N, C-alpha and C. Protein backbone atom coordinates (compact mmCIF):
# COMPACT_ATOMS: atom_id res chain seq x y z
N MET A 1 32.98 55.99 5.30
CA MET A 1 34.33 55.69 4.84
C MET A 1 34.79 56.81 3.92
N HIS A 2 36.00 57.24 4.12
CA HIS A 2 36.58 58.32 3.32
C HIS A 2 37.22 57.74 2.06
N GLN A 3 36.70 58.11 0.91
CA GLN A 3 37.30 57.73 -0.36
C GLN A 3 37.08 58.87 -1.34
N GLN A 4 38.15 59.24 -2.03
CA GLN A 4 38.05 60.31 -3.01
C GLN A 4 38.78 59.92 -4.29
N MET A 5 38.34 60.52 -5.40
CA MET A 5 38.98 60.29 -6.69
C MET A 5 39.28 61.64 -7.32
N CYS A 6 40.38 61.72 -8.07
CA CYS A 6 40.67 62.92 -8.85
C CYS A 6 41.62 62.54 -9.98
N TRP A 7 41.71 63.43 -10.95
CA TRP A 7 42.60 63.23 -12.09
C TRP A 7 43.83 64.11 -11.89
N LEU A 8 44.99 63.49 -11.80
CA LEU A 8 46.25 64.21 -11.61
C LEU A 8 47.23 63.81 -12.70
N SER A 9 48.19 64.68 -12.96
CA SER A 9 49.22 64.38 -13.96
C SER A 9 50.12 63.25 -13.48
N LYS A 10 50.58 62.49 -14.45
CA LYS A 10 51.56 61.46 -14.15
C LYS A 10 52.86 62.12 -13.72
N SER A 11 53.68 61.40 -13.02
CA SER A 11 54.94 61.95 -12.53
C SER A 11 55.93 62.23 -13.65
N SER A 12 55.71 61.65 -14.83
CA SER A 12 56.64 61.86 -15.95
C SER A 12 56.55 63.27 -16.52
N GLY A 13 55.50 64.01 -16.18
CA GLY A 13 55.37 65.39 -16.64
C GLY A 13 54.98 65.55 -18.09
N ASP A 14 54.43 64.49 -18.70
CA ASP A 14 54.05 64.57 -20.11
C ASP A 14 52.66 65.19 -20.31
N GLY A 15 52.02 65.60 -19.23
CA GLY A 15 50.71 66.23 -19.33
C GLY A 15 49.55 65.26 -19.28
N GLU A 16 49.82 63.97 -19.44
CA GLU A 16 48.75 62.98 -19.37
C GLU A 16 48.27 62.85 -17.93
N GLN A 17 46.96 62.80 -17.76
CA GLN A 17 46.40 62.66 -16.43
C GLN A 17 45.83 61.27 -16.25
N ILE A 18 45.98 60.75 -15.04
CA ILE A 18 45.42 59.45 -14.72
C ILE A 18 44.65 59.56 -13.40
N LEU A 19 43.77 58.61 -13.19
CA LEU A 19 42.96 58.58 -11.99
C LEU A 19 43.82 58.30 -10.76
N HIS A 20 43.62 59.10 -9.73
CA HIS A 20 44.29 58.90 -8.44
C HIS A 20 43.22 58.73 -7.37
N LEU A 21 43.55 57.94 -6.35
CA LEU A 21 42.62 57.67 -5.27
C LEU A 21 43.24 58.05 -3.93
N GLN A 22 42.38 58.45 -3.01
CA GLN A 22 42.78 58.70 -1.64
C GLN A 22 41.78 57.94 -0.77
N THR A 23 42.27 56.99 0.03
CA THR A 23 41.38 56.11 0.77
C THR A 23 41.21 56.48 2.24
N ALA A 24 42.02 57.41 2.73
CA ALA A 24 41.89 57.84 4.12
C ALA A 24 42.36 59.29 4.24
N PRO A 25 41.79 60.04 5.18
CA PRO A 25 42.22 61.42 5.37
C PRO A 25 43.71 61.49 5.69
N GLY A 26 44.40 62.44 5.08
CA GLY A 26 45.82 62.62 5.34
C GLY A 26 46.73 61.69 4.55
N GLN A 27 46.16 60.73 3.85
CA GLN A 27 46.96 59.82 3.04
C GLN A 27 47.26 60.50 1.71
N PRO A 28 48.39 60.16 1.09
CA PRO A 28 48.71 60.77 -0.20
C PRO A 28 47.80 60.23 -1.31
N TRP A 29 47.67 61.03 -2.36
CA TRP A 29 46.97 60.57 -3.55
C TRP A 29 47.87 59.57 -4.26
N ARG A 30 47.31 58.43 -4.65
CA ARG A 30 48.09 57.41 -5.35
C ARG A 30 47.35 56.99 -6.62
N PRO A 31 48.11 56.59 -7.66
CA PRO A 31 47.47 56.15 -8.91
C PRO A 31 46.54 54.95 -8.65
N TYR A 32 45.49 54.88 -9.42
CA TYR A 32 44.52 53.80 -9.26
C TYR A 32 45.15 52.42 -9.39
N THR A 33 46.25 52.32 -10.12
CA THR A 33 46.91 51.02 -10.30
C THR A 33 47.54 50.51 -9.00
N ALA A 34 47.69 51.37 -8.00
CA ALA A 34 48.23 50.97 -6.70
C ALA A 34 47.16 50.26 -5.85
N PHE A 35 45.94 50.20 -6.36
CA PHE A 35 44.83 49.58 -5.63
C PHE A 35 44.21 48.46 -6.46
N PRO A 36 44.85 47.30 -6.51
CA PRO A 36 44.31 46.21 -7.34
C PRO A 36 42.91 45.77 -6.93
N GLN A 37 42.55 46.01 -5.67
CA GLN A 37 41.21 45.64 -5.20
C GLN A 37 40.12 46.52 -5.81
N PHE A 38 40.48 47.68 -6.34
CA PHE A 38 39.51 48.60 -6.94
C PHE A 38 39.63 48.69 -8.46
N SER A 39 40.83 48.55 -8.99
CA SER A 39 41.06 48.85 -10.40
C SER A 39 40.51 47.77 -11.33
N VAL A 40 40.09 48.22 -12.49
CA VAL A 40 39.65 47.33 -13.57
C VAL A 40 40.46 47.69 -14.82
N LEU A 41 40.41 46.84 -15.82
CA LEU A 41 41.16 47.08 -17.03
C LEU A 41 40.71 48.37 -17.71
N ASP A 42 41.66 49.07 -18.30
CA ASP A 42 41.34 50.28 -19.05
C ASP A 42 40.71 49.91 -20.38
N TYR A 43 39.88 50.81 -20.90
CA TYR A 43 39.31 50.63 -22.23
C TYR A 43 40.42 50.78 -23.25
N GLN A 44 40.36 50.00 -24.31
CA GLN A 44 41.37 50.05 -25.37
C GLN A 44 40.96 51.08 -26.41
N ILE A 45 40.97 52.34 -26.01
CA ILE A 45 40.60 53.45 -26.87
C ILE A 45 41.82 54.35 -27.02
N PRO A 46 42.31 54.56 -28.24
CA PRO A 46 43.47 55.44 -28.40
C PRO A 46 43.21 56.82 -27.80
N GLY A 47 44.11 57.28 -26.97
CA GLY A 47 43.97 58.58 -26.34
C GLY A 47 42.99 58.61 -25.18
N GLY A 48 42.47 57.44 -24.79
CA GLY A 48 41.51 57.38 -23.69
C GLY A 48 42.16 57.66 -22.35
N SER A 49 41.37 58.08 -21.40
CA SER A 49 41.87 58.40 -20.07
C SER A 49 42.24 57.13 -19.31
N LYS A 50 43.41 57.15 -18.68
CA LYS A 50 43.85 56.03 -17.87
C LYS A 50 43.06 56.03 -16.57
N GLY A 51 42.33 54.97 -16.35
CA GLY A 51 41.54 54.85 -15.14
C GLY A 51 40.06 55.09 -15.32
N TRP A 52 39.63 55.34 -16.55
CA TRP A 52 38.23 55.66 -16.78
C TRP A 52 37.31 54.51 -16.38
N GLY A 53 37.69 53.29 -16.69
CA GLY A 53 36.88 52.13 -16.29
C GLY A 53 36.78 52.00 -14.78
N THR A 54 37.89 52.23 -14.10
CA THR A 54 37.90 52.18 -12.64
C THR A 54 37.05 53.30 -12.07
N TYR A 55 37.14 54.49 -12.64
CA TYR A 55 36.33 55.63 -12.21
C TYR A 55 34.84 55.28 -12.30
N GLN A 56 34.42 54.71 -13.42
CA GLN A 56 33.02 54.38 -13.60
C GLN A 56 32.56 53.33 -12.59
N LYS A 57 33.42 52.33 -12.35
CA LYS A 57 33.09 51.29 -11.39
C LYS A 57 32.93 51.88 -9.98
N LEU A 58 33.90 52.70 -9.57
CA LEU A 58 33.86 53.26 -8.22
C LEU A 58 32.74 54.28 -8.05
N LEU A 59 32.44 55.02 -9.09
CA LEU A 59 31.37 56.02 -9.02
C LEU A 59 30.04 55.35 -8.66
N LYS A 60 29.83 54.15 -9.14
CA LYS A 60 28.59 53.42 -8.84
C LYS A 60 28.53 52.95 -7.39
N THR A 61 29.70 52.79 -6.75
CA THR A 61 29.73 52.28 -5.39
C THR A 61 29.66 53.37 -4.33
N PHE A 62 29.90 54.63 -4.71
CA PHE A 62 29.89 55.73 -3.73
C PHE A 62 28.48 56.15 -3.41
């Protein structure tokens, strides 16, 4: 199964990066929040990366 993760800037252009997922070849990269079946709550850490909890969860499944 094709699944990839990467950190990309938010569309707002503020420089903040969030986790993006690609679930099939040729599909666009989408924010992890677009995949409720994969995403978990973010850690409540000021300045923490958006999607870090989801990244850790998915990393264990790959």
